[in-house]
All heavy atoms as atom14 arrays in JSON, in Angstrom:
{
  "sequence": "RFTISRDNAKNTVYLQMNSLKPEDTAVYYCNTQTFRDYWGQGTQ",
  "atom14_mask": [
    [1, 1, 1, 1, 1, 1, 1, 1, 1, 1, 1, 0, 0, 0],
    [1, 1, 1, 1, 1, 1, 1, 1, 1, 1, 1, 0, 0, 0],
    [1, 1, 1, 1, 1, 1, 1, 0, 0, 0, 0, 0, 0, 0],
    [1, 1, 1, 1, 1, 1, 1, 1, 0, 0, 0, 0, 0, 0],
    [1, 1, 1, 1, 1, 1, 0, 0, 0, 0, 0, 0, 0, 0],
    [1, 1, 1, 1, 1, 1, 1, 1, 1, 1, 1, 0, 0, 0],
    [1, 1, 1, 1, 1, 1, 1, 1, 0, 0, 0, 0, 0, 0],
    [1, 1, 1, 1, 1, 1, 1, 1, 0, 0, 0, 0, 0, 0],
    [1, 1, 1, 1, 1, 0, 0, 0, 0, 0, 0, 0, 0, 0],
    [1, 1, 1, 1, 1, 1, 1, 1, 1, 0, 0, 0, 0, 0],
    [1, 1, 1, 1, 1, 1, 1, 1, 0, 0, 0, 0, 0, 0],
    [1, 1, 1, 1, 1, 1, 1, 0, 0, 0, 0, 0, 0, 0],
    [1, 1, 1, 1, 1, 1, 1, 0, 0, 0, 0, 0, 0, 0],
    [1, 1, 1, 1, 1, 1, 1, 1, 1, 1, 1, 1, 0, 0],
    [1, 1, 1, 1, 1, 1, 1, 1, 0, 0, 0, 0, 0, 0],
    [1, 1, 1, 1, 1, 1, 1, 1, 1, 0, 0, 0, 0, 0],
    [1, 1, 1, 1, 1, 1, 1, 1, 0, 0, 0, 0, 0, 0],
    [1, 1, 1, 1, 1, 1, 1, 1, 0, 0, 0, 0, 0, 0],
    [1, 1, 1, 1, 1, 1, 0, 0, 0, 0, 0, 0, 0, 0],
    [1, 1, 1, 1, 1, 1, 1, 1, 0, 0, 0, 0, 0, 0],
    [1, 1, 1, 1, 1, 1, 1, 1, 1, 0, 0, 0, 0, 0],
    [1, 1, 1, 1, 1, 1, 1, 0, 0, 0, 0, 0, 0, 0],
    [1, 1, 1, 1, 1, 1, 1, 1, 1, 0, 0, 0, 0, 0],
    [1, 1, 1, 1, 1, 1, 1, 1, 0, 0, 0, 0, 0, 0],
    [1, 1, 1, 1, 1, 1, 1, 0, 0, 0, 0, 0, 0, 0],
    [1, 1, 1, 1, 1, 0, 0, 0, 0, 0, 0, 0, 0, 0],
    [1, 1, 1, 1, 1, 1, 1, 0, 0, 0, 0, 0, 0, 0],
    [1, 1, 1, 1, 1, 1, 1, 1, 1, 1, 1, 1, 0, 0],
    [1, 1, 1, 1, 1, 1, 1, 1, 1, 1, 1, 1, 0, 0],
    [1, 1, 1, 1, 1, 1, 0, 0, 0, 0, 0, 0, 0, 0],
    [1, 1, 1, 1, 1, 1, 1, 1, 0, 0, 0, 0, 0, 0],
    [1, 1, 1, 1, 1, 1, 1, 0, 0, 0, 0, 0, 0, 0],
    [1, 1, 1, 1, 1, 1, 1, 1, 1, 0, 0, 0, 0, 0],
    [1, 1, 1, 1, 1, 1, 1, 0, 0, 0, 0, 0, 0, 0],
    [1, 1, 1, 1, 1, 1, 1, 1, 1, 1, 1, 0, 0, 0],
    [1, 1, 1, 1, 1, 1, 1, 1, 1, 1, 1, 0, 0, 0],
    [1, 1, 1, 1, 1, 1, 1, 1, 0, 0, 0, 0, 0, 0],
    [1, 1, 1, 1, 1, 1, 1, 1, 1, 1, 1, 1, 0, 0],
    [1, 1, 1, 1, 1, 1, 1, 1, 1, 1, 1, 1, 1, 1],
    [1, 1, 1, 1, 0, 0, 0, 0, 0, 0, 0, 0, 0, 0],
    [1, 1, 1, 1, 1, 1, 1, 1, 1, 0, 0, 0, 0, 0],
    [1, 1, 1, 1, 0, 0, 0, 0, 0, 0, 0, 0, 0, 0],
    [1, 1, 1, 1, 1, 1, 1, 0, 0, 0, 0, 0, 0, 0],
    [1, 1, 1, 1, 1, 1, 1, 1, 1, 0, 0, 0, 0, 0]
  ],
  "atom14_positions": [
    [[0.81, -1.19, -0.03], [0.03, 0.02, 0.09], [0.84, 1.25, 0.03], [0.43, 2.26, -0.58], [-0.91, 0.09, 1.18], [-1.84, -1.18, 1.29], [-2.89, -0.99, 2.39], [-2.28, -0.87, 3.71], [-2.42, 0.15, 4.63], [-3.14, 1.23, 4.35], [-1.78, 0.09, 5.79], [0.0, 0.0, 0.0], [0.0, 0.0, 0.0], [0.0, 0.0, 0.0]],
    [[2.02, 1.19, 0.62], [2.85, 2.36, 0.78], [4.2, 2.1, -0.07], [4.58, 1.08, -0.25], [3.39, 2.54, 2.23], [2.2, 3.12, 3.13], [0.95, 3.05, 2.81], [2.54, 3.51, 4.43], [-0.07, 3.53, 3.74], [1.67, 3.96, 5.29], [0.29, 3.92, 4.91], [0.0, 0.0, 0.0], [0.0, 0.0, 0.0], [0.0, 0.0, 0.0]],
    [[4.68, 3.22, -0.54], [5.95, 3.17, -1.37], [6.81, 4.28, -0.89], [6.39, 5.54, -1.0], [5.65, 3.35, -2.84], [4.73, 2.25, -3.3], [6.93, 3.24, -3.63], [0.0, 0.0, 0.0], [0.0, 0.0, 0.0], [0.0, 0.0, 0.0], [0.0, 0.0, 0.0], [0.0, 0.0, 0.0], [0.0, 0.0, 0.0], [0.0, 0.0, 0.0]],
    [[8.02, 3.99, -0.47], [9.02, 5.0, -0.13], [9.97, 5.25, -1.37], [10.24, 4.27, -2.11], [9.83, 4.49, 1.06], [10.68, 5.73, 1.61], [10.65, 3.29, 0.82], [11.34, 5.42, 2.9], [0.0, 0.0, 0.0], [0.0, 0.0, 0.0], [0.0, 0.0, 0.0], [0.0, 0.0, 0.0], [0.0, 0.0, 0.0], [0.0, 0.0, 0.0]],
    [[10.29, 6.49, -1.69], [11.25, 6.73, -2.65], [11.99, 7.97, -2.27], [11.77, 8.66, -1.32], [10.51, 7.02, -4.0], [9.58, 8.15, -3.81], [0.0, 0.0, 0.0], [0.0, 0.0, 0.0], [0.0, 0.0, 0.0], [0.0, 0.0, 0.0], [0.0, 0.0, 0.0], [0.0, 0.0, 0.0], [0.0, 0.0, 0.0], [0.0, 0.0, 0.0]],
    [[13.11, 8.2, -3.07], [14.0, 9.37, -2.72], [14.39, 10.06, -4.04], [14.49, 9.43, -5.1], [15.17, 8.93, -1.92], [16.14, 7.99, -2.68], [17.22, 7.41, -1.67], [17.98, 8.44, -1.08], [18.68, 8.4, 0.01], [18.58, 7.26, 0.76], [19.39, 9.35, 0.45], [0.0, 0.0, 0.0], [0.0, 0.0, 0.0], [0.0, 0.0, 0.0]],
    [[14.62, 11.32, -3.92], [15.16, 12.17, -4.95], [16.38, 12.91, -4.52], [16.32, 13.84, -3.75], [14.07, 13.21, -5.53], [14.53, 13.95, -6.73], [15.84, 14.01, -6.98], [13.77, 14.43, -7.37], [0.0, 0.0, 0.0], [0.0, 0.0, 0.0], [0.0, 0.0, 0.0], [0.0, 0.0, 0.0], [0.0, 0.0, 0.0], [0.0, 0.0, 0.0]],
    [[17.63, 12.32, -4.8], [18.87, 12.87, -4.17], [19.06, 14.32, -4.76], [19.75, 15.07, -4.08], [20.0, 12.0, -4.48], [19.89, 10.62, -3.67], [19.22, 10.67, -2.68], [20.54, 9.61, -4.12], [0.0, 0.0, 0.0], [0.0, 0.0, 0.0], [0.0, 0.0, 0.0], [0.0, 0.0, 0.0], [0.0, 0.0, 0.0], [0.0, 0.0, 0.0]],
    [[18.59, 14.59, -5.91], [18.78, 15.94, -6.54], [18.02, 17.04, -5.71], [18.43, 18.1, -5.62], [18.43, 15.94, -7.94], [0.0, 0.0, 0.0], [0.0, 0.0, 0.0], [0.0, 0.0, 0.0], [0.0, 0.0, 0.0], [0.0, 0.0, 0.0], [0.0, 0.0, 0.0], [0.0, 0.0, 0.0], [0.0, 0.0, 0.0], [0.0, 0.0, 0.0]],
    [[17.04, 16.59, -5.05], [16.17, 17.53, -4.3], [16.31, 17.27, -2.8], [15.7, 17.92, -2.08], [14.65, 17.33, -4.67], [14.38, 17.67, -6.11], [12.83, 17.59, -6.39], [12.54, 17.98, -7.79], [11.1, 17.86, -8.09], [0.0, 0.0, 0.0], [0.0, 0.0, 0.0], [0.0, 0.0, 0.0], [0.0, 0.0, 0.0], [0.0, 0.0, 0.0]],
    [[17.17, 16.37, -2.41], [17.4, 16.07, -0.94], [16.04, 15.77, -0.35], [15.78, 16.24, 0.77], [18.05, 17.23, -0.23], [19.5, 17.28, -0.57], [20.08, 16.48, -1.34], [20.25, 18.23, 0.11], [0.0, 0.0, 0.0], [0.0, 0.0, 0.0], [0.0, 0.0, 0.0], [0.0, 0.0, 0.0], [0.0, 0.0, 0.0], [0.0, 0.0, 0.0]],
    [[15.16, 14.94, -0.92], [13.82, 14.75, -0.46], [13.54, 13.28, -0.49], [13.95, 12.59, -1.45], [12.85, 15.53, -1.29], [13.1, 17.0, -1.16], [11.39, 15.27, -0.81], [0.0, 0.0, 0.0], [0.0, 0.0, 0.0], [0.0, 0.0, 0.0], [0.0, 0.0, 0.0], [0.0, 0.0, 0.0], [0.0, 0.0, 0.0], [0.0, 0.0, 0.0]],
    [[12.8, 12.71, 0.53], [12.37, 11.43, 0.57], [10.75, 11.53, 0.65], [10.23, 12.48, 1.17], [12.94, 10.64, 1.78], [12.46, 11.27, 3.1], [12.5, 9.21, 1.75], [0.0, 0.0, 0.0], [0.0, 0.0, 0.0], [0.0, 0.0, 0.0], [0.0, 0.0, 0.0], [0.0, 0.0, 0.0], [0.0, 0.0, 0.0], [0.0, 0.0, 0.0]],
    [[10.22, 10.54, -0.01], [8.77, 10.57, -0.1], [8.17, 9.33, 0.4], [8.78, 8.3, 0.48], [8.31, 10.68, -1.67], [8.86, 11.91, -2.34], [10.03, 11.7, -3.1], [8.29, 13.08, -2.2], [10.53, 12.86, -3.8], [8.75, 14.24, -3.03], [9.9, 14.09, -3.7], [10.37, 15.16, -4.34], [0.0, 0.0, 0.0], [0.0, 0.0, 0.0]],
    [[6.85, 9.45, 0.81], [6.08, 8.23, 1.22], [4.7, 8.31, 0.5], [3.91, 9.12, 0.99], [5.93, 8.12, 2.7], [5.3, 6.86, 3.19], [6.25, 5.7, 2.95], [4.94, 6.94, 4.69], [0.0, 0.0, 0.0], [0.0, 0.0, 0.0], [0.0, 0.0, 0.0], [0.0, 0.0, 0.0], [0.0, 0.0, 0.0], [0.0, 0.0, 0.0]],
    [[4.57, 7.55, -0.54], [3.29, 7.44, -1.14], [2.39, 6.49, -0.38], [2.75, 5.33, -0.31], [3.36, 7.08, -2.62], [2.19, 6.9, -3.39], [1.39, 8.22, -3.61], [2.04, 9.21, -3.97], [0.14, 8.24, -3.4], [0.0, 0.0, 0.0], [0.0, 0.0, 0.0], [0.0, 0.0, 0.0], [0.0, 0.0, 0.0], [0.0, 0.0, 0.0]],
    [[1.23, 6.89, -0.03], [0.32, 6.09, 0.82], [-0.98, 5.89, 0.1], [-1.68, 6.96, -0.15], [0.15, 6.71, 2.19], [1.39, 7.03, 2.94], [1.17, 7.65, 4.61], [0.25, 9.15, 4.3], [0.0, 0.0, 0.0], [0.0, 0.0, 0.0], [0.0, 0.0, 0.0], [0.0, 0.0, 0.0], [0.0, 0.0, 0.0], [0.0, 0.0, 0.0]],
    [[-1.26, 4.65, -0.33], [-2.47, 4.34, -1.07], [-3.32, 3.41, -0.19], [-2.87, 2.77, 0.77], [-2.29, 3.78, -2.31], [-1.37, 4.64, -3.31], [-1.52, 5.84, -3.27], [-0.56, 4.0, -4.09], [0.0, 0.0, 0.0], [0.0, 0.0, 0.0], [0.0, 0.0, 0.0], [0.0, 0.0, 0.0], [0.0, 0.0, 0.0], [0.0, 0.0, 0.0]],
    [[-4.61, 3.3, -0.57], [-5.62, 2.41, 0.2], [-5.47, 2.62, 1.7], [-5.36, 1.72, 2.45], [-5.27, 0.97, -0.2], [-5.37, 0.75, -1.53], [0.0, 0.0, 0.0], [0.0, 0.0, 0.0], [0.0, 0.0, 0.0], [0.0, 0.0, 0.0], [0.0, 0.0, 0.0], [0.0, 0.0, 0.0], [0.0, 0.0, 0.0], [0.0, 0.0, 0.0]],
    [[-5.51, 3.92, 2.01], [-5.41, 4.27, 3.48], [-6.49, 3.65, 4.23], [-7.68, 3.57, 3.83], [-5.27, 5.8, 3.54], [-3.92, 6.34, 3.3], [-3.97, 7.84, 3.04], [-2.91, 6.01, 4.43], [0.0, 0.0, 0.0], [0.0, 0.0, 0.0], [0.0, 0.0, 0.0], [0.0, 0.0, 0.0], [0.0, 0.0, 0.0], [0.0, 0.0, 0.0]],
    [[-6.2, 3.36, 5.53], [-7.09, 2.74, 6.47], [-7.21, 3.59, 7.74], [-6.11, 4.28, 8.04], [-6.64, 1.34, 6.87], [-6.44, 0.4, 5.78], [-5.93, -1.05, 6.2], [-5.71, -1.85, 5.02], [-5.16, -3.22, 5.52], [0.0, 0.0, 0.0], [0.0, 0.0, 0.0], [0.0, 0.0, 0.0], [0.0, 0.0, 0.0], [0.0, 0.0, 0.0]],
    [[-8.2, 3.56, 8.52], [-8.28, 4.27, 9.7], [-7.09, 4.0, 10.69], [-6.52, 4.96, 11.4], [-9.59, 3.94, 10.38], [-10.48, 3.63, 9.22], [-9.56, 2.96, 8.17], [0.0, 0.0, 0.0], [0.0, 0.0, 0.0], [0.0, 0.0, 0.0], [0.0, 0.0, 0.0], [0.0, 0.0, 0.0], [0.0, 0.0, 0.0], [0.0, 0.0, 0.0]],
    [[-6.62, 2.77, 10.73], [-5.51, 2.44, 11.54], [-4.15, 3.0, 11.09], [-3.19, 2.92, 11.81], [-5.35, 0.94, 11.71], [-5.37, 0.13, 10.4], [-6.76, -0.41, 10.02], [-7.72, 0.36, 10.09], [-6.67, -1.51, 9.48], [0.0, 0.0, 0.0], [0.0, 0.0, 0.0], [0.0, 0.0, 0.0], [0.0, 0.0, 0.0], [0.0, 0.0, 0.0]],
    [[-4.19, 3.71, 9.9], [-2.93, 4.37, 9.47], [-2.9, 5.82, 10.18], [-1.85, 6.54, 9.9], [-2.92, 4.51, 7.99], [-2.68, 3.19, 7.28], [-1.97, 2.4, 7.73], [-3.46, 3.03, 6.24], [0.0, 0.0, 0.0], [0.0, 0.0, 0.0], [0.0, 0.0, 0.0], [0.0, 0.0, 0.0], [0.0, 0.0, 0.0], [0.0, 0.0, 0.0]],
    [[-3.88, 6.19, 10.81], [-3.88, 7.53, 11.5], [-2.8, 7.6, 12.54], [-2.7, 6.7, 13.39], [-5.25, 7.75, 12.18], [-6.27, 7.76, 11.17], [-5.26, 9.02, 13.01], [0.0, 0.0, 0.0], [0.0, 0.0, 0.0], [0.0, 0.0, 0.0], [0.0, 0.0, 0.0], [0.0, 0.0, 0.0], [0.0, 0.0, 0.0], [0.0, 0.0, 0.0]],
    [[-1.98, 8.6, 12.33], [-0.73, 8.82, 13.19], [-0.04, 10.07, 12.77], [-0.42, 10.73, 11.74], [0.17, 7.62, 13.07], [0.0, 0.0, 0.0], [0.0, 0.0, 0.0], [0.0, 0.0, 0.0], [0.0, 0.0, 0.0], [0.0, 0.0, 0.0], [0.0, 0.0, 0.0], [0.0, 0.0, 0.0], [0.0, 0.0, 0.0], [0.0, 0.0, 0.0]],
    [[0.87, 10.5, 13.67], [1.86, 11.48, 13.2], [3.05, 10.76, 12.57], [3.58, 9.77, 13.07], [2.34, 12.29, 14.38], [3.39, 13.31, 13.86], [1.2, 12.97, 15.03], [0.0, 0.0, 0.0], [0.0, 0.0, 0.0], [0.0, 0.0, 0.0], [0.0, 0.0, 0.0], [0.0, 0.0, 0.0], [0.0, 0.0, 0.0], [0.0, 0.0, 0.0]],
    [[3.36, 11.15, 11.34], [4.4, 10.49, 10.58], [5.7, 11.39, 10.63], [5.7, 12.63, 10.38], [4.0, 10.39, 9.11], [3.03, 9.23, 8.95], [1.67, 9.3, 9.41], [3.44, 8.06, 8.36], [0.74, 8.33, 9.31], [2.52, 7.02, 8.19], [1.21, 7.24, 8.74], [0.34, 6.1, 8.5], [0.0, 0.0, 0.0], [0.0, 0.0, 0.0]],
    [[6.79, 10.76, 10.92], [8.12, 11.34, 11.16], [9.13, 10.92, 10.12], [9.26, 9.69, 9.87], [8.63, 11.16, 12.53], [7.79, 11.65, 13.69], [6.81, 10.84, 14.21], [7.93, 13.03, 14.17], [6.03, 11.46, 15.27], [7.15, 13.55, 15.07], [6.25, 12.72, 15.72], [5.46, 13.24, 16.76], [0.0, 0.0, 0.0], [0.0, 0.0, 0.0]],
    [[9.91, 11.73, 9.66], [11.05, 11.44, 8.9], [12.29, 11.3, 9.76], [12.38, 12.02, 10.84], [11.22, 12.61, 7.87], [12.64, 12.39, 6.74], [0.0, 0.0, 0.0], [0.0, 0.0, 0.0], [0.0, 0.0, 0.0], [0.0, 0.0, 0.0], [0.0, 0.0, 0.0], [0.0, 0.0, 0.0], [0.0, 0.0, 0.0], [0.0, 0.0, 0.0]],
    [[13.2, 10.31, 9.45], [14.3, 10.06, 10.25], [15.53, 9.82, 9.5], [15.43, 9.1, 8.43], [13.99, 8.88, 11.24], [15.23, 8.27, 11.82], [15.93, 7.43, 11.35], [15.6, 8.82, 13.03], [0.0, 0.0, 0.0], [0.0, 0.0, 0.0], [0.0, 0.0, 0.0], [0.0, 0.0, 0.0], [0.0, 0.0, 0.0], [0.0, 0.0, 0.0]],
    [[16.69, 10.07, 9.95], [18.0, 9.6, 9.43], [18.97, 9.59, 10.61], [18.72, 10.18, 11.67], [18.52, 10.38, 8.26], [19.59, 9.77, 7.67], [19.01, 11.81, 8.8], [0.0, 0.0, 0.0], [0.0, 0.0, 0.0], [0.0, 0.0, 0.0], [0.0, 0.0, 0.0], [0.0, 0.0, 0.0], [0.0, 0.0, 0.0], [0.0, 0.0, 0.0]],
    [[20.05, 8.84, 10.31], [21.05, 8.67, 11.36], [22.45, 8.96, 10.84], [22.82, 8.61, 9.68], [21.06, 7.26, 11.94], [19.77, 6.89, 12.73], [19.82, 5.43, 13.1], [20.45, 4.61, 12.45], [19.18, 5.17, 14.17], [0.0, 0.0, 0.0], [0.0, 0.0, 0.0], [0.0, 0.0, 0.0], [0.0, 0.0, 0.0], [0.0, 0.0, 0.0]],
    [[23.26, 9.78, 11.64], [24.7, 9.81, 11.34], [25.31, 9.3, 12.63], [25.25, 8.05, 12.86], [25.12, 11.26, 11.11], [24.71, 12.1, 12.15], [24.55, 11.82, 9.76], [0.0, 0.0, 0.0], [0.0, 0.0, 0.0], [0.0, 0.0, 0.0], [0.0, 0.0, 0.0], [0.0, 0.0, 0.0], [0.0, 0.0, 0.0], [0.0, 0.0, 0.0]],
    [[25.87, 10.07, 13.37], [26.36, 9.64, 14.78], [25.22, 9.73, 15.74], [25.39, 9.33, 16.93], [27.62, 10.45, 15.16], [27.39, 11.88, 15.3], [26.92, 12.43, 16.56], [27.55, 12.72, 14.25], [26.69, 13.75, 16.67], [27.36, 14.18, 14.29], [26.83, 14.66, 15.5], [0.0, 0.0, 0.0], [0.0, 0.0, 0.0], [0.0, 0.0, 0.0]],
    [[24.11, 10.31, 15.38], [22.85, 10.41, 16.15], [21.75, 10.38, 15.26], [21.82, 10.48, 14.13], [22.93, 11.73, 16.99], [23.25, 12.9, 16.16], [22.59, 14.18, 16.8], [21.24, 14.26, 16.64], [20.52, 15.35, 17.03], [21.12, 16.45, 17.56], [19.18, 15.35, 16.83], [0.0, 0.0, 0.0], [0.0, 0.0, 0.0], [0.0, 0.0, 0.0]],
    [[20.54, 10.22, 15.9], [19.21, 10.24, 15.24], [18.86, 11.76, 14.96], [19.01, 12.6, 15.83], [18.17, 9.58, 16.02], [18.09, 8.17, 15.82], [18.01, 7.76, 14.67], [18.19, 7.34, 16.79], [0.0, 0.0, 0.0], [0.0, 0.0, 0.0], [0.0, 0.0, 0.0], [0.0, 0.0, 0.0], [0.0, 0.0, 0.0], [0.0, 0.0, 0.0]],
    [[18.28, 11.95, 13.77], [17.74, 13.17, 13.49], [16.27, 12.97, 13.1], [15.87, 12.01, 12.31], [18.4, 13.88, 12.33], [19.79, 14.3, 12.67], [20.81, 13.58, 12.34], [20.0, 15.52, 13.32], [22.13, 13.99, 12.63], [21.31, 15.95, 13.68], [22.36, 15.16, 13.32], [23.6, 15.5, 13.56], [0.0, 0.0, 0.0], [0.0, 0.0, 0.0]],
    [[15.34, 13.75, 13.54], [13.89, 13.66, 13.4], [13.33, 15.0, 12.87], [13.8, 16.07, 13.23], [13.17, 13.3, 14.64], [13.61, 12.11, 15.3], [14.65, 11.88, 16.21], [13.04, 10.74, 14.98], [14.73, 10.57, 16.45], [13.73, 9.83, 15.71], [12.02, 10.31, 14.17], [13.45, 8.52, 15.74], [11.74, 8.98, 14.11], [12.45, 8.03, 14.95]],
    [[12.32, 14.86, 12.0], [11.57, 16.07, 11.68], [10.45, 16.39, 12.73], [10.4, 15.64, 13.72], [0.0, 0.0, 0.0], [0.0, 0.0, 0.0], [0.0, 0.0, 0.0], [0.0, 0.0, 0.0], [0.0, 0.0, 0.0], [0.0, 0.0, 0.0], [0.0, 0.0, 0.0], [0.0, 0.0, 0.0], [0.0, 0.0, 0.0], [0.0, 0.0, 0.0]],
    [[9.68, 17.37, 12.54], [8.62, 17.67, 13.37], [7.45, 16.94, 13.33], [6.62, 16.98, 14.26], [8.29, 19.23, 13.19], [7.22, 19.54, 12.08], [7.87, 19.37, 10.75], [8.95, 19.13, 10.51], [6.85, 19.49, 9.71], [0.0, 0.0, 0.0], [0.0, 0.0, 0.0], [0.0, 0.0, 0.0], [0.0, 0.0, 0.0], [0.0, 0.0, 0.0]],
    [[7.31, 16.24, 12.3], [6.14, 15.34, 12.07], [4.94, 15.99, 11.33], [4.9, 17.24, 11.28], [0.0, 0.0, 0.0], [0.0, 0.0, 0.0], [0.0, 0.0, 0.0], [0.0, 0.0, 0.0], [0.0, 0.0, 0.0], [0.0, 0.0, 0.0], [0.0, 0.0, 0.0], [0.0, 0.0, 0.0], [0.0, 0.0, 0.0], [0.0, 0.0, 0.0]],
    [[4.24, 15.18, 10.6], [3.07, 15.57, 9.91], [1.82, 14.65, 10.26], [2.05, 13.47, 10.21], [3.28, 15.71, 8.41], [2.18, 16.24, 7.81], [3.55, 14.42, 7.73], [0.0, 0.0, 0.0], [0.0, 0.0, 0.0], [0.0, 0.0, 0.0], [0.0, 0.0, 0.0], [0.0, 0.0, 0.0], [0.0, 0.0, 0.0], [0.0, 0.0, 0.0]],
    [[0.69, 15.25, 10.52], [-0.48, 14.43, 10.99], [-1.17, 13.83, 9.85], [-1.46, 14.55, 8.83], [-1.37, 15.33, 11.73], [-2.68, 14.71, 12.18], [-2.52, 13.62, 13.26], [-1.83, 13.85, 14.22], [-3.06, 12.47, 13.04], [0.0, 0.0, 0.0], [0.0, 0.0, 0.0], [0.0, 0.0, 0.0], [0.0, 0.0, 0.0], [0.0, 0.0, 0.0]]
  ]
}
């Protein structure tokens, strides 16, 4: 149902979400790691 992809030219990662269900309701966060974790602010 979901597809993750990235565009390195735009420094952007995507999450295409199809056939959404009520149980998918959440705050979604982007994350990466170097020597520590980095998080975005989240999107509802």
